[in-house]
Amino acid sequence: MARGILETIGLAATLVLAIPIALFGAEHLVRGELLAGALYVGIAVGLVVVEQYLTTPTDVPGMVAEKTVGKVAETEDTETETTNGE
């Protein structure tokens, strides 16, 4: 799955928040506090999963623009191939 630069920056920002939470959870797990450790690790994983798969209202304009550009680009490519082929 290819990523745009904005998606990559968004993932990096989420990881900046999720990694310390996961490390804190891992520390609890090492100390034997299983419930707290699992909870913190679960929160960190949840942050990344939600960022990856949840569509937010701010994502909608970008998705619409990508689909529009894709349709315009396909139409122009198809027209050039048809014109060159005749």
N, C-alpha and C. Protein backbone atom coordinates (compact mmCIF):
# COMPACT_ATOMS: atom_id res chain seq x y z
N MET A 1 0.84 -1.16 0.00
CA MET A 1 0.00 0.00 0.00
C MET A 1 0.89 1.24 0.00
N ALA A 2 0.80 2.02 -1.04
CA ALA A 2 1.62 3.22 -1.16
C ALA A 2 1.08 4.32 -0.26
N ARG A 3 1.98 5.10 0.29
CA ARG A 3 1.61 6.20 1.19
C ARG A 3 2.03 7.52 0.60
N GLY A 4 1.19 8.50 0.79
CA GLY A 4 1.55 9.86 0.43
C GLY A 4 2.38 10.46 1.55
N ILE A 5 2.94 11.61 1.29
CA ILE A 5 3.81 12.23 2.29
C ILE A 5 3.00 12.67 3.51
N LEU A 6 1.76 13.14 3.31
CA LEU A 6 0.95 13.55 4.45
C LEU A 6 0.54 12.36 5.30
N GLU A 7 0.26 11.23 4.67
CA GLU A 7 -0.08 10.03 5.43
C GLU A 7 1.13 9.55 6.24
N THR A 8 2.31 9.64 5.67
CA THR A 8 3.52 9.24 6.36
C THR A 8 3.78 10.15 7.57
N ILE A 9 3.58 11.44 7.39
CA ILE A 9 3.77 12.38 8.49
C ILE A 9 2.74 12.11 9.59
N GLY A 10 1.51 11.82 9.20
CA GLY A 10 0.47 11.49 10.18
C GLY A 10 0.80 10.24 10.97
N LEU A 11 1.32 9.22 10.29
CA LEU A 11 1.72 7.99 10.97
C LEU A 11 2.88 8.26 11.93
N ALA A 12 3.83 9.06 11.50
CA ALA A 12 4.98 9.39 12.35
C ALA A 12 4.51 10.13 13.61
N ALA A 13 3.57 11.05 13.46
CA ALA A 13 3.06 11.78 14.62
C ALA A 13 2.34 10.84 15.58
N THR A 14 1.60 9.89 15.04
CA THR A 14 0.92 8.91 15.89
C THR A 14 1.93 8.04 16.61
N LEU A 15 2.97 7.63 15.92
CA LEU A 15 4.00 6.80 16.56
C LEU A 15 4.74 7.55 17.65
N VAL A 16 4.91 8.87 17.49
CA VAL A 16 5.55 9.67 18.53
C VAL A 16 4.75 9.59 19.82
N LEU A 17 3.43 9.50 19.71
CA LEU A 17 2.59 9.36 20.90
C LEU A 17 2.49 7.91 21.38
N ALA A 18 2.44 6.96 20.44
CA ALA A 18 2.18 5.57 20.80
C ALA A 18 3.41 4.86 21.38
N ILE A 19 4.59 5.17 20.91
CA ILE A 19 5.79 4.46 21.36
C ILE A 19 6.06 4.66 22.85
N PRO A 20 5.99 5.90 23.39
CA PRO A 20 6.20 6.03 24.84
C PRO A 20 5.15 5.28 25.67
N ILE A 21 3.90 5.26 25.19
CA ILE A 21 2.86 4.54 25.91
C ILE A 21 3.16 3.04 25.89
N ALA A 22 3.60 2.54 24.74
CA ALA A 22 3.93 1.11 24.63
C ALA A 22 5.13 0.76 25.52
N LEU A 23 6.12 1.62 25.58
CA LEU A 23 7.28 1.38 26.45
C LEU A 23 6.88 1.40 27.93
N PHE A 24 5.99 2.31 28.29
CA PHE A 24 5.49 2.36 29.65
C PHE A 24 4.73 1.07 29.98
N GLY A 25 3.94 0.58 29.03
CA GLY A 25 3.24 -0.68 29.22
C GLY A 25 4.20 -1.85 29.33
N ALA A 26 5.25 -1.85 28.52
CA ALA A 26 6.24 -2.92 28.57
C ALA A 26 6.96 -2.92 29.93
N GLU A 27 7.20 -1.74 30.46
CA GLU A 27 7.83 -1.63 31.78
C GLU A 27 6.94 -2.26 32.86
N HIS A 28 5.65 -1.99 32.77
CA HIS A 28 4.71 -2.59 33.72
C HIS A 28 4.68 -4.12 33.56
N LEU A 29 4.73 -4.59 32.33
CA LEU A 29 4.72 -6.03 32.10
C LEU A 29 5.95 -6.69 32.70
N VAL A 30 7.10 -6.05 32.55
CA VAL A 30 8.34 -6.60 33.10
C VAL A 30 8.29 -6.65 34.63
N ARG A 31 7.64 -5.64 35.22
CA ARG A 31 7.51 -5.61 36.68
C ARG A 31 6.48 -6.61 37.20
N GLY A 32 5.72 -7.21 36.30
CA GLY A 32 4.73 -8.20 36.71
C GLY A 32 3.32 -7.65 36.83
N GLU A 33 3.12 -6.40 36.51
CA GLU A 33 1.79 -5.80 36.55
C GLU A 33 1.11 -6.03 35.20
N LEU A 34 0.55 -7.21 35.03
CA LEU A 34 0.06 -7.65 33.74
C LEU A 34 -1.14 -6.83 33.24
N LEU A 35 -2.07 -6.54 34.12
CA LEU A 35 -3.27 -5.82 33.69
C LEU A 35 -2.91 -4.42 33.20
N ALA A 36 -2.14 -3.68 33.99
CA ALA A 36 -1.77 -2.32 33.59
C ALA A 36 -0.89 -2.34 32.34
N GLY A 37 0.06 -3.27 32.28
CA GLY A 37 0.94 -3.36 31.11
C GLY A 37 0.18 -3.67 29.84
N ALA A 38 -0.73 -4.64 29.92
CA ALA A 38 -1.52 -5.00 28.74
C ALA A 38 -2.42 -3.85 28.32
N LEU A 39 -2.96 -3.12 29.30
CA LEU A 39 -3.82 -1.98 28.99
C LEU A 39 -3.04 -0.90 28.24
N TYR A 40 -1.86 -0.55 28.72
CA TYR A 40 -1.06 0.49 28.05
C TYR A 40 -0.59 0.06 26.66
N VAL A 41 -0.17 -1.17 26.53
CA VAL A 41 0.25 -1.67 25.21
C VAL A 41 -0.95 -1.69 24.26
N GLY A 42 -2.11 -2.08 24.79
CA GLY A 42 -3.33 -2.07 23.97
C GLY A 42 -3.72 -0.68 23.51
N ILE A 43 -3.55 0.30 24.39
CA ILE A 43 -3.84 1.68 24.00
C ILE A 43 -2.90 2.14 22.89
N ALA A 44 -1.63 1.80 23.00
CA ALA A 44 -0.65 2.20 21.98
C ALA A 44 -0.97 1.55 20.64
N VAL A 45 -1.29 0.26 20.67
CA VAL A 45 -1.65 -0.43 19.42
C VAL A 45 -2.94 0.16 18.86
N GLY A 46 -3.88 0.47 19.73
CA GLY A 46 -5.14 1.06 19.29
C GLY A 46 -4.96 2.40 18.60
N LEU A 47 -4.04 3.22 19.12
CA LEU A 47 -3.76 4.50 18.49
C LEU A 47 -3.31 4.32 17.04
N VAL A 48 -2.39 3.39 16.84
CA VAL A 48 -1.87 3.17 15.48
C VAL A 48 -2.94 2.58 14.58
N VAL A 49 -3.71 1.63 15.09
CA VAL A 49 -4.74 0.99 14.28
C VAL A 49 -5.82 2.00 13.87
N VAL A 50 -6.24 2.82 14.82
CA VAL A 50 -7.26 3.82 14.52
C VAL A 50 -6.74 4.81 13.49
N GLU A 51 -5.50 5.26 13.65
CA GLU A 51 -4.93 6.20 12.68
C GLU A 51 -4.85 5.58 11.29
N GLN A 52 -4.58 4.30 11.25
CA GLN A 52 -4.38 3.61 9.98
C GLN A 52 -5.69 3.33 9.24
N TYR A 53 -6.72 2.91 9.97
CA TYR A 53 -7.91 2.38 9.32
C TYR A 53 -9.17 3.21 9.50
N LEU A 54 -9.18 4.19 10.39
CA LEU A 54 -10.38 4.99 10.61
C LEU A 54 -10.35 6.20 9.70
N THR A 55 -11.45 6.46 9.04
CA THR A 55 -11.55 7.63 8.19
C THR A 55 -12.15 8.76 9.01
N THR A 56 -11.43 9.84 9.14
CA THR A 56 -11.91 10.99 9.90
C THR A 56 -12.46 12.04 8.94
N PRO A 57 -13.23 12.99 9.44
CA PRO A 57 -13.76 14.03 8.56
C PRO A 57 -12.68 14.82 7.83
N THR A 58 -11.50 14.94 8.41
CA THR A 58 -10.43 15.67 7.72
C THR A 58 -9.81 14.85 6.59
N ASP A 59 -10.03 13.53 6.58
CA ASP A 59 -9.50 12.69 5.52
C ASP A 59 -10.36 12.72 4.26
N VAL A 60 -11.63 13.07 4.40
CA VAL A 60 -12.57 12.99 3.28
C VAL A 60 -12.17 13.89 2.11
N PRO A 61 -11.83 15.18 2.30
CA PRO A 61 -11.45 16.00 1.14
C PRO A 61 -10.25 15.43 0.38
N GLY A 62 -9.27 14.89 1.09
CA GLY A 62 -8.11 14.30 0.43
C GLY A 62 -8.49 13.08 -0.39
N MET A 63 -9.39 12.25 0.15
CA MET A 63 -9.83 11.06 -0.57
C MET A 63 -10.59 11.45 -1.84
N VAL A 64 -11.44 12.46 -1.73
CA VAL A 64 -12.20 12.93 -2.90
C VAL A 64 -11.25 13.47 -3.95
N ALA A 65 -10.26 14.24 -3.53
CA ALA A 65 -9.29 14.80 -4.48
C ALA A 65 -8.50 13.70 -5.17
N GLU A 66 -8.09 12.67 -4.42
CA GLU A 66 -7.33 11.56 -5.03
C GLU A 66 -8.16 10.83 -6.07
N LYS A 67 -9.44 10.57 -5.77
CA LYS A 67 -10.30 9.88 -6.72
C LYS A 67 -10.55 10.74 -7.96
N THR A 68 -10.74 12.05 -7.75
CA THR A 68 -10.99 12.94 -8.87
C THR A 68 -9.77 13.01 -9.78
N VAL A 69 -8.61 13.18 -9.19
CA VAL A 69 -7.37 13.24 -9.98
C VAL A 69 -7.16 11.91 -10.70
N GLY A 70 -7.44 10.81 -10.04
CA GLY A 70 -7.29 9.50 -10.68
C GLY A 70 -8.19 9.34 -11.89
N LYS A 71 -9.43 9.80 -11.79
CA LYS A 71 -10.35 9.69 -12.92
C LYS A 71 -9.94 10.59 -14.07
N VAL A 72 -9.49 11.80 -13.74
CA VAL A 72 -9.05 12.74 -14.79
C VAL A 72 -7.82 12.19 -15.49
N ALA A 73 -6.87 11.67 -14.73
CA ALA A 73 -5.64 11.14 -15.31
C ALA A 73 -5.93 9.92 -16.16
N GLU A 74 -6.84 9.04 -15.74
CA GLU A 74 -7.18 7.87 -16.53
C GLU A 74 -7.85 8.28 -17.83
N THR A 75 -8.71 9.26 -17.77
CA THR A 75 -9.42 9.71 -18.97
C THR A 75 -8.43 10.28 -19.98
N GLU A 76 -7.49 11.10 -19.54
CA GLU A 76 -6.52 11.70 -20.45
C GLU A 76 -5.62 10.63 -21.06
N ASP A 77 -5.18 9.65 -20.27
CA ASP A 77 -4.34 8.59 -20.79
C ASP A 77 -5.08 7.76 -21.82
N THR A 78 -6.34 7.47 -21.54
CA THR A 78 -7.16 6.68 -22.46
C THR A 78 -7.36 7.43 -23.77
N GLU A 79 -7.59 8.74 -23.69
CA GLU A 79 -7.81 9.53 -24.91
C GLU A 79 -6.53 9.59 -25.75
N THR A 80 -5.37 9.72 -25.13
CA THR A 80 -4.13 9.78 -25.91
C THR A 80 -3.84 8.44 -26.57
N GLU A 81 -4.10 7.35 -25.87
CA GLU A 81 -3.87 6.04 -26.47
C GLU A 81 -4.81 5.81 -27.65
N THR A 82 -6.05 6.25 -27.51
CA THR A 82 -7.01 6.08 -28.60
C THR A 82 -6.63 6.94 -29.79
N THR A 83 -6.20 8.17 -29.55
CA THR A 83 -5.82 9.06 -30.64
C THR A 83 -4.55 8.56 -31.34
N ASN A 84 -3.58 8.11 -30.57
CA ASN A 84 -2.34 7.63 -31.15
C ASN A 84 -2.54 6.32 -31.91
N GLY A 85 -3.49 5.50 -31.46
CA GLY A 85 -3.73 4.22 -32.09
C GLY A 85 -4.44 4.34 -33.43
N GLU A 86 -5.15 5.42 -33.70
CA GLU A 86 -5.91 5.55 -34.95
C GLU A 86 -5.11 6.06 -36.08
